[in-house]
Structures are given as structure tokens and as C-alpha cells.
Amino acid sequence: MELKGYLKKYFNFDEFRPGQQEAVESIIGNQHTIAMLPTGTGKSLCYQLPGYMSEGPVLIVSPLLSLMQDQVEQMMAMGEKRVVALNSFLTPPQKAKALENLHHYKFIFISPEMLGMESVIDRIKGLSVSLFAVDEAHCISQWGYDFRPDYLKLGEIRRKIGEPLTLALTATATNEVRRDIADKLLLEKWNEIVFSVDRPAISLALEKVSHFQEKQQRTMQLVRFLKGPGIIYFSSKKVAEQTSAYLREHGISKVMAYHGGLDSESRILIQQQFINGQLDVVCATSAFGMGINKENVRYVIHFHMPMQIESYLQEIGRAARDGGDSVAILIYSPGDEQLAFQLAEAELPDEFQIERLFTFLIENNVVYQDITRLEEELAMFCGFTDIQWRIVENYLSNLESVDYNQDKRSLLHLLDNRLKVKQSKIKQMLEWIHSQECKRAVILRTFNEKLEDRPENCCSYCGIEMEDFKETDASSDERPIGVDWKQDLASILLLSERI
């Protein structure tokens, strides 16, 4: 049977989406593969179809519990019963039962944290894994925008389970990040399937306002004006909640806030309400949208400045999955970058925390291999967040000998370099905001691409006809939404002449 025959048999699709066929052909050709495919093109099919065409189970590493759960539920809804998710959602009895019956499953989704447990690795060693799939593979690279310390262990874990055929999937990875992915996964030879990060169906708009209140008002105007459904992204849980309440107070009723502070039941409920059309707008932090199968999102608004171009692309990629025209609007006010810099610093342990850590280690003569069992005590003593602790624990537990002074200096140096990477990404995003050229061309240049065909509604620099994105029954008294820089400049000059 030809490949499209298998596509029809297992998914009832007649055609592949961009990049899917190339990635599947590479895998069934027994080639390790790094695939950078556009957000919304169905990357999960790239491991599901080869899985159906092979004998052994597929092991899928996923960084987000909500994403993992969504994918499992989608597969089960399509009739696949041989699928399981191993993560912290499981109770101890559920985990024990799943591990005991692991050989019955065809698709095994697992978090990198659980995959790092020796008891879990021992169970997986007993399986003949046909494909080791790493979703959101940019998380493995220290140069990637969403670096996860637990991903660094995947190369060694892959070696422990027999170096199975490997597929690394991501939507946004520079050449440097892709090389780092291969290096960290211990791949000697691999194919790269790389498609453009450009999404021609999404118009890129940038608006500048003076202060927070004006930004909130502008967000309300846009939500009233634009055809939905839409997502508004925030860097702050508190501001997401505030803006959701603000919109409801001003007559926009079908809106809810979504963030990591909600319990899992609330998050799942909001996701389902949005998918089923019971909500028009979600005010969300960055986790929302990953793995959510909603094709008709018509706009994405960024209330806060993203911390890097890569995450910006990921988030606007929630729109236009059906190929229909959509718009992404970033609202910038002076000083927005300060929040981004603060968040970058907060993700990493500071010098004071590291000093306290090594004071504790020295006074208690702790060897690094024992620090995992001291997690709770050290986290409290040093004030580590979960991600800060994982960075520290991963670094120290991989050291073979103990030299407290040298190790402290090395750790501080690593953290300093990591912070500089994050800061450089923020500065790059800020340069994009202030750039006086085609916004789409600047993004493509970041990924060593050139803009070949400029879409009609390209970006706010080239000019966008916002009426194309208007809700048909939008109130006629809304102020016009202009994002054509020439018109905006003419308006400013006219106003200055009047003053």
C-alpha cells in the first residue's frame, strides 16, 4: 500500500499537510529526523502514522501535561484505545497499573520528569520501542526559547533504552537550535525536514499606546471590532484575570481567563468551552492553545510583549489553522520590555540563592548525588521555584566529583550565560517592534529566510486593510482601526498642525 493509502486508512485524509509526508518518509526510511513544521500543520501525525506502520510502541516525550492530556483524549476520541499518558496527573495506584501494563500500549506519552525515573526507564527497557518522538524539541536547547532542564537528560535516557529511531518535532528552531537538539539527543546522523516559519494567512499588526489603561481600552475595542474567536496572550496571570473581568464589565460576556494558577478541571473546562464555541475570547498565559484542536481562531492579541520571536510565532500560530485569513496584533507601550527582563531574571536562581545553596552543601557535607532527596529542604532554604530547582539539580547531579568553590563559580557562570541569552532574545523582540521595515521580512530573516511572496494584508508597516477582519455585526460607532503607518503618520502630522 502507498503512503497515502495508509493516510486514508488510519486518518481518513486524502492529502498530507506541508512537511508531514517528508517527515513520515524519513522515519519509515529508518532515518533519525528533526522536523521543523509550521504550527497547526498536524505534527502529531508524523509519529502516529509511522507508529501504525511499525510493530513496536511509540514513546512520545511532551513538556506540558495539558498538551499531553489533550493529545491522548484526541486519539481516544478517534478510536485509539492503546494510548496512555504517564505524568503527575496519575495517582500512585494508577501509575503502578499503567507501568505494569505498559506492553499493551501502542502510544505512550510521557513527561520528561517521569522519564527520568529509573523505575520507569527499567520498564521501558523491556519494550522494543519503534520510535522515540520528542515533541516541542526546542526545549532541549539552551538557545531555545523554552529551555527545560529535564530535556537535557533525554540523550542519555535514549541511550539507556537502546538508541531507538528518533523524531524531534518543533515549529520554531533556528539553525543553532536544531544543531543543539541533535547534539543533546546524541544523534550522529539525521535528516532535517525544515519548512518556512511564515504564515501568509496571518497578518502581522503592531500598535503602540502610551500606558496600561490605554492598552486595556484598545484591547476592548479590538475584541468588539474583530471577527472571533480570538485569544489574548499575557505574561501575567493577574493581568489576564483583570482584563477578562474588564471585558465582561464592558459587555463582552463570553470571555474567560486561563493560566497555570487554575486547577486542572477549570483549565479543561475552559479549553472545551472555547473549542465548542461557548467562549469567544480567552485571556491566557502562554500554555493555552498548545495541542488544542481549534481551526477557526481569527485573531491573536498580545497584551504583553513576548520574550522572544520564537514564542511569538508559536502563539500567533494558534490562528488560521483552517487557512482562513486571520490577524495577529501586538500592543506595545513604553517600558513593556521591563516586565520581560524581570521574568527572565526570575526564571533563574540569583547569586544570593546560589550562595545559600553552597553554604548548606558545605555545612552539611552533601555529595551532589544526594541532593535529589533534599529537594524540599533546599527549595525552602534557598527560595527556589520549581524551574530554578530543576536547573540547579540537573547541573549538580551530573557532576562526577565535588569541588564546592569551583562548582559554585561554574554554576554562576552558566546561569549568567543563560540570562544573557534570554536578554538577547528580548532585545531582538524589541528591535522587531521598533523596526522600520516589513515586519514579516524581519522575522523570516531571523530564520535565514527571505520573503518571496508578500501577502496582500502583510503587516502594519506594509499596510493592512483591517476591515477584512471586522465582525460583520460590529458596532458602527467603534473608532476606525488603522494600522497603515502612512495613514497613522499623516494623522499625527495633522494633529500636530492643529495643536
Foldseek 3Di string as FASTA:
>chain_A
DDPQVLCCVQPVDNDAFPLLVVLLVCVVVLFAEEEAAEQLRCVVSSQVSVLVVDDFAEEEEDADPVLLVLVQVVVVVSPAPQEDEDDPVDDVVRNVVCLVCVRSHRYYYYYLVVLPDPVSLVSLLVTPHQEYEYEQLLLCDLLRPNPFLSSLCQLVSCVSSPVHRYYYYHNDDAPVSVVSSCVSNVHPGHYYHYDFLDQQLEAEEEAEDADLVVLLVVVLLCLLWFDFQEEEEEQDQVVLQVSQVVNVVVPQPQEEEDEPVDDPVVNVVNLVCVQVVSHRYYSYYLVPQNNRPRQAGAEYEYSAQDLFLRSVSNRRSSHNSVVHHHYYYYYDHPPSLVVLLVVLVLLEQDLQLLVQLLVVCVVVVDQLCPCVVVQVVSCVRSVDDPRHSSLVNSLRNPDPDDDSVVSSVVSNVVRVVSSVSSNVRNVLSVCLSPDQDFSSQSSSVVNVHGDDDAHPSHYLNCFHDCNVRTDPPRDPPRDDDGSNVVVVVVVVVVVVVVD
